[in-house]
Amino acid sequence: MSLKKDLRCPHCEGREVWHIAEMHERGEAGVLERPIQPLNVVLQERFFKLYSGTGTFETYICKGCGFTEWYAHGLDELHADEKHGVRLLDGRAAEDGPYR
């Protein structure tokens, strides 16, 4: 059961679900053009001390109990960054198991 797919909470079975298409956060102080901006999945260094955001979040929230499902979008530009804990896990290798 999923809030997004079934519009039913897997914890309390509530049927009223908030949908926030894009989560936001406040921009940097003094930046008038973007006082709020999308909450990025990750900030990655592009040039010396300059960062850019990759991806955005969509959420579904149960009105009754607050259970929340987060979904990430726009990850085409995401790349591994082991130093900052960003890595791609490949579950397909685990499914295959050892060759016999």
C-alpha atoms as a PDB file:
ATOM      1  CA  MET A   1       0.000   0.000   0.000  1.00  0.00           C
ATOM      2  CA  SER A   2       1.265   3.475  -0.844  1.00  0.00           C
ATOM      3  CA  LEU A   3       0.018   7.025  -0.367  1.00  0.00           C
ATOM      4  CA  LYS A   4       0.879   7.925  -3.957  1.00  0.00           C
ATOM      5  CA  LYS A   5      -0.592   4.879  -5.651  1.00  0.00           C
ATOM      6  CA  ASP A   6      -3.538   3.966  -3.423  1.00  0.00           C
ATOM      7  CA  LEU A   7      -4.327   7.270  -1.649  1.00  0.00           C
ATOM      8  CA  ARG A   8      -4.475   5.216   1.544  1.00  0.00           C
ATOM      9  CA  CYS A   9      -2.014   5.416   4.431  1.00  0.00           C
ATOM     10  CA  PRO A  10      -0.132   2.166   5.078  1.00  0.00           C
ATOM     11  CA  HIS A  11       0.091   3.069   8.792  1.00  0.00           C
ATOM     12  CA  CYS A  12      -3.332   4.351   9.845  1.00  0.00           C
ATOM     13  CA  GLU A  13      -5.387   3.535   6.706  1.00  0.00           C
ATOM     14  CA  GLY A  14      -6.376   7.212   6.446  1.00  0.00           C
ATOM     15  CA  ARG A  15      -7.789   8.282   3.079  1.00  0.00           C
ATOM     16  CA  GLU A  16      -7.053  12.050   3.188  1.00  0.00           C
ATOM     17  CA  VAL A  17      -3.671  12.716   1.618  1.00  0.00           C
ATOM     18  CA  TRP A  18      -1.839  16.000   1.093  1.00  0.00           C
ATOM     19  CA  HIS A  19       0.191  16.225  -2.120  1.00  0.00           C
ATOM     20  CA  ILE A  20       3.020  18.732  -2.432  1.00  0.00           C
ATOM     21  CA  ALA A  21       4.239  18.669  -6.039  1.00  0.00           C
ATOM     22  CA  GLU A  22       7.584  20.336  -5.271  1.00  0.00           C
ATOM     23  CA  MET A  23       9.089  20.875  -1.833  1.00  0.00           C
ATOM     24  CA  HIS A  24      10.730  24.277  -1.275  1.00  0.00           C
ATOM     25  CA  GLU A  25      13.156  25.945   1.123  1.00  0.00           C
ATOM     26  CA  ARG A  26      14.187  29.527   1.720  1.00  0.00           C
ATOM     27  CA  GLY A  27      16.847  30.903  -0.607  1.00  0.00           C
ATOM     28  CA  GLU A  28      20.013  32.616   0.503  1.00  0.00           C
ATOM     29  CA  ALA A  29      19.626  35.889   2.408  1.00  0.00           C
ATOM     30  CA  GLY A  30      19.717  38.894   0.151  1.00  0.00           C
ATOM     31  CA  VAL A  31      18.722  37.024  -2.989  1.00  0.00           C
ATOM     32  CA  LEU A  32      15.558  38.824  -3.990  1.00  0.00           C
ATOM     33  CA  GLU A  33      15.017  36.914  -7.227  1.00  0.00           C
ATOM     34  CA  ARG A  34      14.656  33.577  -5.422  1.00  0.00           C
ATOM     35  CA  PRO A  35      13.425  34.025  -1.838  1.00  0.00           C
ATOM     36  CA  ILE A  36      12.209  30.420  -1.970  1.00  0.00           C
ATOM     37  CA  GLN A  37      13.701  27.689  -4.104  1.00  0.00           C
ATOM     38  CA  PRO A  38      13.177  23.972  -4.713  1.00  0.00           C
ATOM     39  CA  LEU A  39      14.575  21.640  -2.067  1.00  0.00           C
ATOM     40  CA  ASN A  40      17.274  19.758  -3.953  1.00  0.00           C
ATOM     41  CA  VAL A  41      18.045  16.078  -3.514  1.00  0.00           C
ATOM     42  CA  VAL A  42      21.749  16.884  -3.269  1.00  0.00           C
ATOM     43  CA  LEU A  43      24.085  19.849  -3.671  1.00  0.00           C
ATOM     44  CA  GLN A  44      27.185  18.999  -5.655  1.00  0.00           C
ATOM     45  CA  GLU A  45      30.322  21.056  -6.143  1.00  0.00           C
ATOM     46  CA  ARG A  46      30.638  22.128  -9.775  1.00  0.00           C
ATOM     47  CA  PHE A  47      33.537  24.575  -9.535  1.00  0.00           C
ATOM     48  CA  PHE A  48      35.723  25.819  -6.706  1.00  0.00           C
ATOM     49  CA  LYS A  49      33.310  26.389  -3.795  1.00  0.00           C
ATOM     50  CA  LEU A  50      30.323  26.815  -6.155  1.00  0.00           C
ATOM     51  CA  TYR A  51      27.509  24.321  -5.725  1.00  0.00           C
ATOM     52  CA  SER A  52      24.454  23.538  -7.746  1.00  0.00           C
ATOM     53  CA  GLY A  53      21.394  21.562  -6.824  1.00  0.00           C
ATOM     54  CA  THR A  54      20.365  18.329  -8.462  1.00  0.00           C
ATOM     55  CA  GLY A  55      16.845  16.927  -8.386  1.00  0.00           C
ATOM     56  CA  THR A  56      13.716  17.956  -6.508  1.00  0.00           C
ATOM     57  CA  PHE A  57      11.307  16.277  -4.098  1.00  0.00           C
ATOM     58  CA  GLU A  58       7.582  15.593  -4.299  1.00  0.00           C
ATOM     59  CA  THR A  59       5.738  14.437  -1.158  1.00  0.00           C
ATOM     60  CA  TYR A  60       2.519  12.733  -0.153  1.00  0.00           C
ATOM     61  CA  ILE A  61       1.481  13.226   3.485  1.00  0.00           C
ATOM     62  CA  CYS A  62      -1.280  11.442   5.415  1.00  0.00           C
ATOM     63  CA  LYS A  63      -3.515  14.101   6.987  1.00  0.00           C
ATOM     64  CA  GLY A  64      -4.388  11.748   9.855  1.00  0.00           C
ATOM     65  CA  CYS A  65      -1.017  10.541  11.138  1.00  0.00           C
ATOM     66  CA  GLY A  66       1.583  12.533   9.191  1.00  0.00           C
ATOM     67  CA  PHE A  67       3.215   9.531   7.509  1.00  0.00           C
ATOM     68  CA  THR A  68       5.132  10.929   4.533  1.00  0.00           C
ATOM     69  CA  GLU A  69       6.368   9.449   1.265  1.00  0.00           C
ATOM     70  CA  TRP A  70       9.107  11.354  -0.557  1.00  0.00           C
ATOM     71  CA  TYR A  71       9.766  10.896  -4.283  1.00  0.00           C
ATOM     72  CA  ALA A  72      12.800  12.332  -6.074  1.00  0.00           C
ATOM     73  CA  HIS A  73      12.699  13.695  -9.631  1.00  0.00           C
ATOM     74  CA  GLY A  74      15.245  15.146 -12.055  1.00  0.00           C
ATOM     75  CA  LEU A  75      18.216  12.960 -11.186  1.00  0.00           C
ATOM     76  CA  ASP A  76      19.747  12.705 -14.673  1.00  0.00           C
ATOM     77  CA  GLU A  77      22.611  15.010 -13.655  1.00  0.00           C
ATOM     78  CA  LEU A  78      23.306  13.227 -10.340  1.00  0.00           C
ATOM     79  CA  HIS A  79      26.739  11.622 -10.105  1.00  0.00           C
ATOM     80  CA  ALA A  80      28.557   9.613  -7.461  1.00  0.00           C
ATOM     81  CA  ASP A  81      30.503  11.569  -4.851  1.00  0.00           C
ATOM     82  CA  GLU A  82      31.889   9.085  -2.308  1.00  0.00           C
ATOM     83  CA  LYS A  83      33.553  11.886  -0.300  1.00  0.00           C
ATOM     84  CA  HIS A  84      30.088  13.336   0.461  1.00  0.00           C
ATOM     85  CA  GLY A  85      28.225  10.015   0.758  1.00  0.00           C
ATOM     86  CA  VAL A  86      26.564   9.997  -2.671  1.00  0.00           C
ATOM     87  CA  ARG A  87      26.714   6.591  -4.342  1.00  0.00           C
ATOM     88  CA  LEU A  88      24.618   4.445  -6.614  1.00  0.00           C
ATOM     89  CA  LEU A  89      23.737   1.023  -5.225  1.00  0.00           C
ATOM     90  CA  ASP A  90      23.005  -1.655  -7.822  1.00  0.00           C
ATOM     91  CA  GLY A  91      20.565  -4.237  -6.487  1.00  0.00           C
ATOM     92  CA  ARG A  92      20.623  -6.142  -9.765  1.00  0.00           C
ATOM     93  CA  ALA A  93      23.950  -7.740  -8.848  1.00  0.00           C
ATOM     94  CA  ALA A  94      22.473  -9.069  -5.588  1.00  0.00           C
ATOM     95  CA  GLU A  95      19.518 -10.623  -7.445  1.00  0.00           C
ATOM     96  CA  ASP A  96      21.784 -12.625  -9.724  1.00  0.00           C
ATOM     97  CA  GLY A  97      23.770 -14.118  -6.853  1.00  0.00           C
ATOM     98  CA  PRO A  98      26.835 -16.254  -7.440  1.00  0.00           C
ATOM     99  CA  TYR A  99      27.034 -18.183 -10.681  1.00  0.00           C
ATOM    100  CA  ARG A 100      26.534 -21.929 -10.185  1.00  0.00           C
END
